[in-house]
N, C-alpha and C. Protein backbone atom coordinates (compact mmCIF):
# COMPACT_ATOMS: atom_id res chain seq x y z
N MET A 1 0.85 -1.20 0.00
CA MET A 1 0.00 0.00 0.00
C MET A 1 0.88 1.24 0.00
N ASN A 2 0.51 2.15 -0.83
CA ASN A 2 1.28 3.38 -0.95
C ASN A 2 0.77 4.40 0.08
N PRO A 3 1.63 4.91 0.94
CA PRO A 3 1.16 5.91 1.92
C PRO A 3 0.74 7.22 1.27
N LEU A 4 1.35 7.55 0.15
CA LEU A 4 0.97 8.78 -0.55
C LEU A 4 -0.44 8.66 -1.12
N LYS A 5 -0.78 7.44 -1.55
CA LYS A 5 -2.12 7.23 -2.08
C LYS A 5 -3.17 7.32 -0.98
N LEU A 6 -2.78 6.94 0.23
CA LEU A 6 -3.71 7.03 1.35
C LEU A 6 -3.89 8.47 1.80
N ARG A 7 -2.82 9.23 1.77
CA ARG A 7 -2.88 10.60 2.30
C ARG A 7 -3.38 11.61 1.28
N SER A 8 -3.39 11.27 0.01
CA SER A 8 -3.74 12.26 -1.00
C SER A 8 -5.19 12.75 -0.91
N PRO A 9 -6.21 11.91 -0.63
CA PRO A 9 -7.57 12.46 -0.53
C PRO A 9 -7.70 13.46 0.61
N PHE A 10 -7.10 13.14 1.76
CA PHE A 10 -7.16 14.08 2.88
C PHE A 10 -6.44 15.38 2.54
N PHE A 11 -5.32 15.26 1.84
CA PHE A 11 -4.56 16.45 1.46
C PHE A 11 -5.36 17.32 0.49
N PHE A 12 -6.03 16.68 -0.47
CA PHE A 12 -6.81 17.46 -1.42
C PHE A 12 -8.04 18.07 -0.77
N HIS A 13 -8.65 17.35 0.18
CA HIS A 13 -9.78 17.92 0.91
C HIS A 13 -9.32 19.11 1.75
N PHE A 14 -8.15 18.98 2.36
CA PHE A 14 -7.62 20.08 3.16
C PHE A 14 -7.33 21.30 2.29
N LEU A 15 -6.75 21.06 1.11
CA LEU A 15 -6.48 22.17 0.19
C LEU A 15 -7.78 22.82 -0.27
N PHE A 16 -8.78 22.00 -0.54
CA PHE A 16 -10.06 22.53 -1.01
C PHE A 16 -10.73 23.37 0.07
N TYR A 17 -10.72 22.88 1.32
CA TYR A 17 -11.34 23.65 2.39
C TYR A 17 -10.56 24.92 2.68
N LEU A 18 -9.25 24.84 2.59
CA LEU A 18 -8.42 26.03 2.82
C LEU A 18 -8.67 27.08 1.75
N PHE A 19 -8.77 26.64 0.49
CA PHE A 19 -9.03 27.57 -0.61
C PHE A 19 -10.42 28.17 -0.50
N SER A 20 -11.42 27.35 -0.15
CA SER A 20 -12.79 27.86 -0.03
C SER A 20 -12.90 28.83 1.15
N PHE A 21 -12.21 28.53 2.25
CA PHE A 21 -12.24 29.45 3.40
C PHE A 21 -11.56 30.77 3.06
N PHE A 22 -10.45 30.72 2.33
CA PHE A 22 -9.76 31.94 1.93
C PHE A 22 -10.62 32.77 0.98
N PHE A 23 -11.28 32.10 0.04
CA PHE A 23 -12.14 32.81 -0.91
C PHE A 23 -13.34 33.44 -0.19
N TYR A 24 -13.94 32.69 0.74
CA TYR A 24 -15.10 33.20 1.47
C TYR A 24 -14.72 34.36 2.37
N SER A 25 -13.58 34.26 3.06
CA SER A 25 -13.16 35.34 3.95
C SER A 25 -12.79 36.59 3.17
N SER A 26 -12.14 36.44 2.02
CA SER A 26 -11.79 37.61 1.21
C SER A 26 -13.04 38.27 0.65
N PHE A 27 -14.02 37.46 0.23
CA PHE A 27 -15.27 38.01 -0.28
C PHE A 27 -16.03 38.74 0.83
N TRP A 28 -16.02 38.17 2.05
CA TRP A 28 -16.72 38.80 3.17
C TRP A 28 -16.04 40.10 3.56
N ILE A 29 -14.71 40.14 3.55
CA ILE A 29 -13.97 41.36 3.89
C ILE A 29 -14.23 42.44 2.85
N LEU A 30 -14.26 42.07 1.57
CA LEU A 30 -14.56 43.04 0.52
C LEU A 30 -15.97 43.58 0.66
N TRP A 31 -16.93 42.70 1.00
CA TRP A 31 -18.32 43.13 1.14
C TRP A 31 -18.49 44.07 2.33
N VAL A 32 -17.86 43.75 3.46
CA VAL A 32 -17.97 44.59 4.65
C VAL A 32 -17.27 45.92 4.44
N SER A 33 -16.12 45.90 3.76
CA SER A 33 -15.41 47.16 3.51
C SER A 33 -16.18 48.04 2.54
N SER A 34 -16.84 47.44 1.56
CA SER A 34 -17.65 48.24 0.64
C SER A 34 -18.86 48.82 1.35
N LEU A 35 -19.46 48.04 2.26
CA LEU A 35 -20.59 48.56 3.03
C LEU A 35 -20.15 49.70 3.93
N ALA A 36 -19.01 49.56 4.59
CA ALA A 36 -18.52 50.62 5.46
C ALA A 36 -18.13 51.85 4.64
N TYR A 37 -17.59 51.65 3.44
CA TYR A 37 -17.21 52.76 2.58
C TYR A 37 -18.44 53.55 2.13
N HIS A 38 -19.50 52.85 1.75
CA HIS A 38 -20.72 53.54 1.34
C HIS A 38 -21.40 54.21 2.53
N ASN A 39 -21.30 53.62 3.70
CA ASN A 39 -21.90 54.24 4.88
C ASN A 39 -21.11 55.47 5.30
N LEU A 40 -19.80 55.46 5.09
CA LEU A 40 -19.00 56.64 5.39
C LEU A 40 -19.32 57.78 4.43
N LEU A 41 -19.59 57.45 3.18
CA LEU A 41 -19.96 58.47 2.21
C LEU A 41 -21.37 58.98 2.44
N GLY A 42 -22.18 58.19 3.14
CA GLY A 42 -23.55 58.60 3.37
C GLY A 42 -24.48 58.20 2.24
N THR A 43 -24.00 57.43 1.29
CA THR A 43 -24.84 56.98 0.18
C THR A 43 -25.06 55.49 0.33
N LYS A 44 -26.31 55.10 0.35
CA LYS A 44 -26.63 53.68 0.51
C LYS A 44 -26.98 53.11 -0.86
N ARG A 45 -25.93 52.76 -1.60
CA ARG A 45 -26.13 52.19 -2.92
C ARG A 45 -26.08 50.67 -2.82
N LEU A 46 -27.17 50.09 -2.36
CA LEU A 46 -27.25 48.64 -2.24
C LEU A 46 -28.23 48.10 -3.26
N CYS A 47 -28.00 46.88 -3.69
CA CYS A 47 -28.88 46.29 -4.70
C CYS A 47 -30.27 46.01 -4.14
N CYS A 48 -30.34 45.69 -2.86
CA CYS A 48 -31.64 45.32 -2.29
C CYS A 48 -32.49 46.55 -1.99
N CYS A 49 -31.86 47.69 -1.77
CA CYS A 49 -32.62 48.90 -1.41
C CYS A 49 -33.06 49.64 -2.68
């Protein structure tokens, strides 16, 4: 049995979760910073409003 073959699914899952967490956190930081920027300007340019 190859140990690399055993560890590769866990490694790929870890990479996938790490990449998804990084993408989600960067998107959330961009969204919050844009909301704070529009609130500082006093203009509420939101899609829902």
